[in-house]
């Protein structure tokens, strides 16, 4: 996986609950595909192609089912790994930093509500958010971010 940027971490945090729900739904879809074997009724007298290559409807359905399973497994693995990296990065933050990040991004609270909950000003919370995201970048990428967002507007 490529290194994550500041905005990619923000995007993942904003969509954290959706990604987790998507993982669970994709697991259910995979379970459903496992229950289906991709076969249909037997059709006799299937014509062969000009190359005499035999194409069975049942075989094609089974192959398509296998491809769908593989795509779902890959999507589940990528999303699960992304969420695990975010969780690991969140666990590396201080309790206050984690609280601010979770309230603003994951719980979708407005800044004034976040500030009231942690008993600090909005500006201080926004600055702490920038520090926390940069710590998360370091945790995920293993090095200091090339782009720093300390100069971000405080009204974001």
N, C-alpha and C. Protein backbone atom coordinates (compact mmCIF):
# COMPACT_ATOMS: atom_id res chain seq x y z
N UNK A 1 0.84 -1.18 0.00
CA UNK A 1 0.00 0.00 0.00
C UNK A 1 0.88 1.25 0.00
N UNK A 2 0.44 2.23 -0.74
CA UNK A 2 1.17 3.48 -0.78
C UNK A 2 1.05 4.19 0.56
N UNK A 3 1.92 5.18 0.75
CA UNK A 3 1.81 5.98 1.96
C UNK A 3 0.52 6.77 1.95
N UNK A 4 -0.04 6.95 3.13
CA UNK A 4 -1.27 7.73 3.24
C UNK A 4 -0.92 9.20 3.41
N UNK A 5 -1.73 10.06 2.85
CA UNK A 5 -1.55 11.49 3.01
C UNK A 5 -2.47 11.99 4.13
N UNK A 6 -2.27 13.23 4.52
CA UNK A 6 -3.10 13.86 5.54
C UNK A 6 -4.57 13.77 5.14
N UNK A 7 -4.87 14.13 3.90
CA UNK A 7 -6.27 14.13 3.46
C UNK A 7 -6.83 12.71 3.34
N UNK A 8 -5.99 11.72 3.01
CA UNK A 8 -6.47 10.34 2.97
C UNK A 8 -6.82 9.83 4.36
N UNK A 9 -6.03 10.21 5.36
CA UNK A 9 -6.35 9.82 6.73
C UNK A 9 -7.66 10.48 7.15
N UNK A 10 -7.81 11.76 6.82
CA UNK A 10 -9.06 12.45 7.14
C UNK A 10 -10.25 11.77 6.46
N UNK A 11 -10.10 11.43 5.20
CA UNK A 11 -11.18 10.77 4.46
C UNK A 11 -11.55 9.43 5.08
N UNK A 12 -10.54 8.68 5.48
CA UNK A 12 -10.80 7.38 6.12
C UNK A 12 -11.49 7.58 7.46
N UNK A 13 -11.06 8.58 8.22
CA UNK A 13 -11.71 8.86 9.50
C UNK A 13 -13.15 9.30 9.32
N UNK A 14 -13.40 10.17 8.35
CA UNK A 14 -14.77 10.63 8.07
C UNK A 14 -15.67 9.44 7.70
N UNK A 15 -15.10 8.47 6.98
CA UNK A 15 -15.87 7.32 6.50
C UNK A 15 -15.66 6.06 7.34
N UNK A 16 -15.08 6.20 8.51
CA UNK A 16 -14.72 5.07 9.36
C UNK A 16 -15.89 4.10 9.58
N UNK A 17 -17.02 4.61 9.99
CA UNK A 17 -18.19 3.75 10.26
C UNK A 17 -18.70 3.10 8.98
N UNK A 18 -18.69 3.85 7.89
CA UNK A 18 -19.14 3.30 6.62
C UNK A 18 -18.23 2.18 6.13
N UNK A 19 -16.93 2.36 6.31
CA UNK A 19 -15.97 1.33 5.88
C UNK A 19 -16.17 0.06 6.71
N UNK A 20 -16.35 0.23 8.03
CA UNK A 20 -16.57 -0.94 8.89
C UNK A 20 -17.86 -1.67 8.51
N UNK A 21 -18.93 -0.91 8.22
CA UNK A 21 -20.19 -1.53 7.80
C UNK A 21 -20.02 -2.22 6.45
N UNK A 22 -19.26 -1.60 5.55
CA UNK A 22 -19.00 -2.19 4.25
C UNK A 22 -18.26 -3.52 4.37
N UNK A 23 -17.30 -3.59 5.28
CA UNK A 23 -16.57 -4.84 5.52
C UNK A 23 -17.55 -5.94 5.94
N UNK A 24 -18.41 -5.62 6.88
CA UNK A 24 -19.38 -6.61 7.36
C UNK A 24 -20.35 -7.03 6.26
N UNK A 25 -20.82 -6.07 5.48
CA UNK A 25 -21.73 -6.40 4.39
C UNK A 25 -21.04 -7.23 3.31
N UNK A 26 -19.78 -6.92 3.02
CA UNK A 26 -19.05 -7.70 2.03
C UNK A 26 -18.80 -9.13 2.53
N UNK A 27 -18.62 -9.29 3.84
CA UNK A 27 -18.48 -10.65 4.40
C UNK A 27 -19.79 -11.42 4.22
N UNK A 28 -20.92 -10.74 4.41
CA UNK A 28 -22.21 -11.39 4.20
C UNK A 28 -22.41 -11.77 2.73
N UNK A 29 -22.02 -10.86 1.84
CA UNK A 29 -22.11 -11.17 0.41
C UNK A 29 -21.25 -12.38 0.06
N UNK A 30 -20.06 -12.44 0.65
CA UNK A 30 -19.17 -13.57 0.42
C UNK A 30 -19.80 -14.85 0.94
N UNK A 31 -20.42 -14.79 2.11
CA UNK A 31 -21.12 -15.96 2.66
C UNK A 31 -22.22 -16.41 1.70
N UNK A 32 -22.97 -15.44 1.16
CA UNK A 32 -24.03 -15.79 0.21
C UNK A 32 -23.46 -16.45 -1.05
N UNK A 33 -22.34 -15.94 -1.52
CA UNK A 33 -21.71 -16.55 -2.70
C UNK A 33 -21.24 -17.97 -2.40
N UNK A 34 -20.79 -18.20 -1.17
CA UNK A 34 -20.36 -19.54 -0.79
C UNK A 34 -21.55 -20.50 -0.80
N UNK A 35 -22.74 -19.98 -0.45
CA UNK A 35 -23.94 -20.82 -0.44
C UNK A 35 -24.42 -21.12 -1.85
N UNK A 36 -24.19 -20.17 -2.75
CA UNK A 36 -24.55 -20.38 -4.15
C UNK A 36 -23.39 -21.09 -4.83
N UNK A 37 -23.70 -22.05 -5.65
CA UNK A 37 -22.60 -22.71 -6.36
C UNK A 37 -22.43 -22.19 -7.78
N UNK A 38 -23.32 -21.27 -8.17
CA UNK A 38 -23.20 -20.67 -9.49
C UNK A 38 -23.76 -21.54 -10.60
N UNK A 39 -24.35 -22.67 -10.23
CA UNK A 39 -24.87 -23.56 -11.26
C UNK A 39 -26.34 -23.30 -11.51
N UNK A 40 -26.74 -23.66 -12.70
CA UNK A 40 -28.15 -23.54 -13.08
C UNK A 40 -28.59 -24.88 -13.65
N UNK A 41 -29.75 -24.92 -14.19
CA UNK A 41 -30.25 -26.16 -14.78
C UNK A 41 -29.35 -26.61 -15.92
N UNK A 42 -29.34 -27.90 -16.17
CA UNK A 42 -28.52 -28.46 -17.24
C UNK A 42 -29.16 -28.13 -18.59
N UNK A 43 -28.34 -27.65 -19.49
CA UNK A 43 -28.80 -27.35 -20.84
C UNK A 43 -28.03 -28.26 -21.78
N UNK A 44 -28.76 -29.07 -22.54
CA UNK A 44 -28.12 -30.00 -23.47
C UNK A 44 -28.00 -29.36 -24.84
N UNK A 45 -27.03 -29.82 -25.58
CA UNK A 45 -26.88 -29.37 -26.95
C UNK A 45 -26.34 -27.96 -27.06
N UNK A 46 -25.44 -27.59 -26.15
CA UNK A 46 -24.85 -26.26 -26.22
C UNK A 46 -23.93 -26.19 -27.43
N UNK A 47 -24.10 -25.18 -28.24
CA UNK A 47 -23.25 -25.09 -29.43
C UNK A 47 -21.82 -24.73 -29.06
N UNK A 48 -20.90 -25.25 -29.83
CA UNK A 48 -19.51 -24.87 -29.62
C UNK A 48 -19.20 -23.65 -30.47
N UNK A 49 -18.14 -22.98 -30.15
CA UNK A 49 -17.78 -21.78 -30.90
C UNK A 49 -17.05 -22.18 -32.17
N UNK A 50 -16.68 -21.23 -32.98
CA UNK A 50 -15.98 -21.50 -34.24
C UNK A 50 -14.64 -22.19 -34.00
N UNK A 51 -14.09 -21.98 -32.81
CA UNK A 51 -12.79 -22.59 -32.50
C UNK A 51 -12.97 -23.95 -31.84
N UNK A 52 -14.21 -24.41 -31.75
CA UNK A 52 -14.55 -25.66 -31.10
C UNK A 52 -14.26 -25.65 -29.60
N UNK A 53 -14.09 -24.47 -29.07
CA UNK A 53 -13.90 -24.34 -27.63
C UNK A 53 -15.27 -24.53 -26.98
N UNK A 54 -15.32 -25.39 -26.01
CA UNK A 54 -16.58 -25.70 -25.34
C UNK A 54 -16.83 -24.67 -24.25
N UNK A 55 -18.00 -24.03 -24.26
CA UNK A 55 -18.39 -23.06 -23.24
C UNK A 55 -19.68 -23.51 -22.62
N UNK A 56 -19.59 -23.92 -21.40
CA UNK A 56 -20.77 -24.36 -20.68
C UNK A 56 -21.34 -23.19 -19.89
N UNK A 57 -22.64 -23.04 -19.92
CA UNK A 57 -23.29 -21.99 -19.13
C UNK A 57 -22.97 -22.19 -17.66
N UNK A 58 -23.03 -23.44 -17.21
CA UNK A 58 -22.75 -23.77 -15.81
C UNK A 58 -21.31 -23.43 -15.46
N UNK A 59 -20.41 -23.82 -16.34
CA UNK A 59 -18.99 -23.54 -16.09
C UNK A 59 -18.73 -22.05 -16.05
N UNK A 60 -19.32 -21.31 -16.98
CA UNK A 60 -19.15 -19.85 -17.01
C UNK A 60 -19.71 -19.21 -15.75
N UNK A 61 -20.87 -19.69 -15.28
CA UNK A 61 -21.46 -19.15 -14.06
C UNK A 61 -20.57 -19.43 -12.86
N UNK A 62 -20.01 -20.63 -12.80
CA UNK A 62 -19.12 -20.99 -11.69
C UNK A 62 -17.86 -20.14 -11.71
N UNK A 63 -17.29 -19.92 -12.89
CA UNK A 63 -16.09 -19.08 -13.01
C UNK A 63 -16.38 -17.64 -12.61
N UNK A 64 -17.54 -17.14 -13.02
CA UNK A 64 -17.94 -15.78 -12.65
C UNK A 64 -18.11 -15.67 -11.14
N UNK A 65 -18.67 -16.70 -10.54
CA UNK A 65 -18.86 -16.74 -9.08
C UNK A 65 -17.50 -16.72 -8.37
N UNK A 66 -16.55 -17.47 -8.87
CA UNK A 66 -15.21 -17.51 -8.28
C UNK A 66 -14.55 -16.13 -8.38
N UNK A 67 -14.69 -15.47 -9.53
CA UNK A 67 -14.12 -14.13 -9.71
C UNK A 67 -14.74 -13.14 -8.73
N UNK A 68 -16.06 -13.21 -8.56
CA UNK A 68 -16.74 -12.32 -7.61
C UNK A 68 -16.25 -12.57 -6.18
N UNK A 69 -16.07 -13.84 -5.83
CA UNK A 69 -15.56 -14.17 -4.49
C UNK A 69 -14.18 -13.57 -4.28
N UNK A 70 -13.32 -13.71 -5.27
CA UNK A 70 -11.95 -13.19 -5.15
C UNK A 70 -11.93 -11.67 -5.03
N UNK A 71 -12.79 -10.99 -5.80
CA UNK A 71 -12.87 -9.52 -5.70
C UNK A 71 -13.36 -9.11 -4.31
N UNK A 72 -14.37 -9.82 -3.79
CA UNK A 72 -14.89 -9.50 -2.46
C UNK A 72 -13.83 -9.75 -1.39
N UNK A 73 -13.12 -10.87 -1.49
CA UNK A 73 -12.07 -11.18 -0.51
C UNK A 73 -10.99 -10.10 -0.51
N UNK A 74 -10.62 -9.65 -1.71
CA UNK A 74 -9.60 -8.60 -1.82
C UNK A 74 -10.10 -7.29 -1.21
N UNK A 75 -11.35 -6.91 -1.51
CA UNK A 75 -11.93 -5.67 -0.96
C UNK A 75 -12.01 -5.74 0.56
N UNK A 76 -12.43 -6.89 1.08
CA UNK A 76 -12.51 -7.08 2.54
C UNK A 76 -11.14 -6.94 3.16
N UNK A 77 -10.14 -7.57 2.55
CA UNK A 77 -8.77 -7.52 3.10
C UNK A 77 -8.22 -6.09 3.08
N UNK A 78 -8.40 -5.38 1.99
CA UNK A 78 -7.90 -4.00 1.89
C UNK A 78 -8.58 -3.11 2.91
N UNK A 79 -9.91 -3.18 2.98
CA UNK A 79 -10.64 -2.34 3.94
C UNK A 79 -10.31 -2.70 5.38
N UNK A 80 -10.19 -3.99 5.67
CA UNK A 80 -9.84 -4.43 7.03
C UNK A 80 -8.46 -3.93 7.41
N UNK A 81 -7.52 -4.02 6.50
CA UNK A 81 -6.16 -3.55 6.79
C UNK A 81 -6.13 -2.03 6.99
N UNK A 82 -6.90 -1.31 6.19
CA UNK A 82 -6.97 0.15 6.33
C UNK A 82 -7.52 0.52 7.70
N UNK A 83 -8.61 -0.11 8.10
CA UNK A 83 -9.22 0.16 9.41
C UNK A 83 -8.25 -0.21 10.53
N UNK A 84 -7.53 -1.32 10.37
CA UNK A 84 -6.58 -1.74 11.41
C UNK A 84 -5.44 -0.73 11.53
N UNK A 85 -4.97 -0.18 10.41
CA UNK A 85 -3.91 0.83 10.46
C UNK A 85 -4.42 2.09 11.17
N UNK A 86 -5.65 2.50 10.87
CA UNK A 86 -6.23 3.67 11.54
C UNK A 86 -6.39 3.39 13.03
N UNK A 87 -6.88 2.19 13.38
CA UNK A 87 -7.03 1.83 14.80
C UNK A 87 -5.68 1.85 15.51
N UNK A 88 -4.65 1.30 14.88
CA UNK A 88 -3.31 1.30 15.48
C UNK A 88 -2.82 2.73 15.70
N UNK A 89 -3.04 3.59 14.70
CA UNK A 89 -2.62 4.99 14.80
C UNK A 89 -3.41 5.71 15.89
N UNK A 90 -4.71 5.45 15.99
CA UNK A 90 -5.53 6.05 17.05
C UNK A 90 -5.05 5.62 18.43
N UNK A 91 -4.66 4.37 18.54
CA UNK A 91 -4.17 3.85 19.83
C UNK A 91 -2.84 4.47 20.25
N UNK A 92 -2.10 5.02 19.29
CA UNK A 92 -0.83 5.66 19.60
C UNK A 92 -1.00 7.10 20.10
N UNK A 93 -2.21 7.64 19.96
CA UNK A 93 -2.47 9.01 20.39
C UNK A 93 -2.73 9.06 21.89
N UNK A 94 -2.61 10.28 22.44
CA UNK A 94 -3.00 10.47 23.84
C UNK A 94 -4.52 10.34 23.91
N UNK A 95 -5.04 10.14 25.09
CA UNK A 95 -6.48 9.99 25.25
C UNK A 95 -7.23 11.22 24.75
N UNK A 96 -6.68 12.42 25.05
CA UNK A 96 -7.33 13.66 24.62
C UNK A 96 -7.30 13.79 23.09
N UNK A 97 -6.16 13.51 22.47
CA UNK A 97 -6.06 13.58 21.01
C UNK A 97 -7.04 12.60 20.36
N UNK A 98 -7.07 11.40 20.88
CA UNK A 98 -7.97 10.39 20.33
C UNK A 98 -9.43 10.83 20.47
N UNK A 99 -9.77 11.38 21.61
CA UNK A 99 -11.14 11.85 21.85
C UNK A 99 -11.52 12.92 20.84
N UNK A 100 -10.64 13.87 20.63
CA UNK A 100 -10.91 14.96 19.67
C UNK A 100 -11.10 14.40 18.26
N UNK A 101 -10.21 13.51 17.85
CA UNK A 101 -10.29 12.91 16.51
C UNK A 101 -11.59 12.12 16.36
N UNK A 102 -11.90 11.30 17.34
CA UNK A 102 -13.10 10.47 17.25
C UNK A 102 -14.38 11.31 17.24
N UNK A 103 -14.42 12.32 18.10
CA UNK A 103 -15.63 13.15 18.15
C UNK A 103 -15.82 13.92 16.85
N UNK A 104 -14.74 14.53 16.34
CA UNK A 104 -14.88 15.35 15.14
C UNK A 104 -15.10 14.51 13.88
N UNK A 105 -14.26 13.51 13.65
CA UNK A 105 -14.33 12.76 12.41
C UNK A 105 -15.33 11.61 12.45
N UNK A 106 -15.23 10.78 13.46
CA UNK A 106 -16.03 9.55 13.48
C UNK A 106 -17.46 9.82 13.95
N UNK A 107 -17.60 10.65 14.99
CA UNK A 107 -18.93 10.97 15.50
C UNK A 107 -19.56 12.18 14.80
N UNK A 108 -18.77 12.83 13.95
CA UNK A 108 -19.25 13.95 13.13
C UNK A 108 -19.79 15.12 13.96
N UNK A 109 -19.13 15.41 15.07
CA UNK A 109 -19.54 16.53 15.91
C UNK A 109 -18.97 17.84 15.37
N UNK A 110 -19.68 18.91 15.60
CA UNK A 110 -19.19 20.22 15.22
C UNK A 110 -18.10 20.65 16.21
N UNK A 111 -17.22 21.56 15.75
CA UNK A 111 -16.09 21.96 16.58
C UNK A 111 -16.52 22.54 17.92
N UNK A 112 -17.57 23.33 17.96
CA UNK A 112 -17.96 23.93 19.22
C UNK A 112 -18.40 22.86 20.23
N UNK A 113 -19.00 21.77 19.72
CA UNK A 113 -19.40 20.68 20.61
C UNK A 113 -18.18 19.90 21.11
N UNK A 114 -17.23 19.68 20.22
CA UNK A 114 -15.98 19.00 20.61
C UNK A 114 -15.29 19.82 21.69
N UNK A 115 -15.17 21.13 21.46
CA UNK A 115 -14.50 22.02 22.42
C UNK A 115 -15.21 22.00 23.78
N UNK A 116 -16.52 22.01 23.75
CA UNK A 116 -17.28 22.00 25.01
C UNK A 116 -17.06 20.68 25.77
N UNK A 117 -17.00 19.57 25.06
CA UNK A 117 -16.82 18.26 25.70
C UNK A 117 -15.45 18.12 26.36
N UNK A 118 -14.41 18.66 25.70
CA UNK A 118 -13.06 18.50 26.24
C UNK A 118 -12.62 19.71 27.07
N UNK A 119 -13.47 20.73 27.14
CA UNK A 119 -13.22 21.93 27.95
C UNK A 119 -12.00 22.73 27.50
N UNK A 120 -11.85 22.85 26.19
CA UNK A 120 -10.81 23.69 25.60
C UNK A 120 -11.46 24.52 24.50
N UNK A 121 -10.73 25.50 24.00
CA UNK A 121 -11.28 26.34 22.93
C UNK A 121 -11.28 25.58 21.61
N UNK A 122 -12.11 26.08 20.68
CA UNK A 122 -12.15 25.47 19.35
C UNK A 122 -10.79 25.53 18.67
N UNK A 123 -10.15 26.68 18.75
CA UNK A 123 -8.83 26.85 18.13
C UNK A 123 -7.81 25.88 18.68
N UNK A 124 -7.82 25.67 20.00
CA UNK A 124 -6.89 24.73 20.61
C UNK A 124 -7.19 23.31 20.13
N UNK A 125 -8.46 22.96 20.04
CA UNK A 125 -8.87 21.63 19.58
C UNK A 125 -8.44 21.39 18.13
N UNK A 126 -8.58 22.42 17.30
CA UNK A 126 -8.18 22.30 15.90
C UNK A 126 -6.67 22.12 15.77
N UNK A 127 -5.92 22.84 16.58
CA UNK A 127 -4.47 22.69 16.57
C UNK A 127 -4.08 21.29 17.05
N UNK A 128 -4.76 20.81 18.08
CA UNK A 128 -4.50 19.47 18.62
C UNK A 128 -4.86 18.41 17.58
N UNK A 129 -5.92 18.67 16.81
CA UNK A 129 -6.29 17.76 15.72
C UNK A 129 -5.16 17.65 14.70
N UNK A 130 -4.59 18.79 14.33
CA UNK A 130 -3.48 18.78 13.36
C UNK A 130 -2.31 17.96 13.88
N UNK A 131 -1.97 18.16 15.15
CA UNK A 131 -0.87 17.38 15.76
C UNK A 131 -1.20 15.90 15.74
N UNK A 132 -2.44 15.56 16.07
CA UNK A 132 -2.85 14.16 16.14
C UNK A 132 -2.80 13.50 14.76
N UNK A 133 -3.29 14.20 13.74
CA UNK A 133 -3.25 13.63 12.39
C UNK A 133 -1.81 13.43 11.94
N UNK A 134 -0.93 14.39 12.26
CA UNK A 134 0.49 14.23 11.92
C UNK A 134 1.11 13.05 12.66
N UNK A 135 0.71 12.82 13.90
CA UNK A 135 1.19 11.63 14.63
C UNK A 135 0.68 10.37 13.95
N UNK A 136 -0.57 10.40 13.51
CA UNK A 136 -1.13 9.24 12.82
C UNK A 136 -0.38 8.97 11.51
N UNK A 137 -0.04 10.04 10.79
CA UNK A 137 0.75 9.90 9.56
C UNK A 137 2.08 9.21 9.86
N UNK A 138 2.72 9.64 10.93
CA UNK A 138 4.00 9.03 11.31
C UNK A 138 3.80 7.55 11.66
N UNK A 139 2.75 7.26 12.41
CA UNK A 139 2.48 5.88 12.82
C UNK A 139 2.21 5.00 11.60
N UNK A 140 1.44 5.49 10.66
CA UNK A 140 1.06 4.69 9.49
C UNK A 140 2.19 4.60 8.46
N UNK A 141 2.84 5.72 8.18
CA UNK A 141 3.86 5.76 7.13
C UNK A 141 5.26 5.45 7.63
N UNK A 142 5.47 5.55 8.93
CA UNK A 142 6.78 5.24 9.48
C UNK A 142 7.80 6.35 9.35
N UNK A 143 7.36 7.53 8.93
CA UNK A 143 8.28 8.67 8.83
C UNK A 143 7.48 9.95 8.94
N UNK A 144 8.18 11.04 9.14
CA UNK A 144 7.52 12.33 9.25
C UNK A 144 6.84 12.65 7.94
N UNK A 145 5.67 13.26 7.99
CA UNK A 145 4.96 13.60 6.74
C UNK A 145 5.72 14.64 5.94
N UNK A 146 5.68 14.49 4.62
CA UNK A 146 6.31 15.47 3.74
C UNK A 146 5.51 16.76 3.75
N UNK A 147 4.19 16.61 3.80
CA UNK A 147 3.33 17.79 3.84
C UNK A 147 2.87 17.98 5.27
N UNK A 148 2.97 19.18 5.74
CA UNK A 148 2.45 19.45 7.08
C UNK A 148 1.22 20.31 6.94
N UNK A 149 0.28 20.06 7.78
CA UNK A 149 -0.98 20.79 7.71
C UNK A 149 -1.15 21.72 8.91
N UNK A 150 -0.04 22.10 9.53
CA UNK A 150 -0.13 23.02 10.66
C UNK A 150 -0.62 24.39 10.23
N UNK A 151 -0.44 24.69 8.96
CA UNK A 151 -0.88 25.99 8.48
C UNK A 151 -2.32 25.95 7.99
N UNK A 152 -3.02 24.84 8.24
CA UNK A 152 -4.43 24.73 7.83
C UNK A 152 -5.25 25.82 8.47
N UNK A 153 -6.30 26.20 7.77
CA UNK A 153 -7.21 27.22 8.32
C UNK A 153 -7.88 26.65 9.57
N UNK A 154 -8.01 27.46 10.56
CA UNK A 154 -8.62 27.01 11.80
C UNK A 154 -10.13 26.87 11.71
N UNK A 155 -10.74 27.37 10.64
CA UNK A 155 -12.19 27.26 10.54
C UNK A 155 -12.61 25.98 9.80
N UNK A 156 -11.68 25.09 9.48
CA UNK A 156 -12.04 23.83 8.81
C UNK A 156 -12.62 22.87 9.80
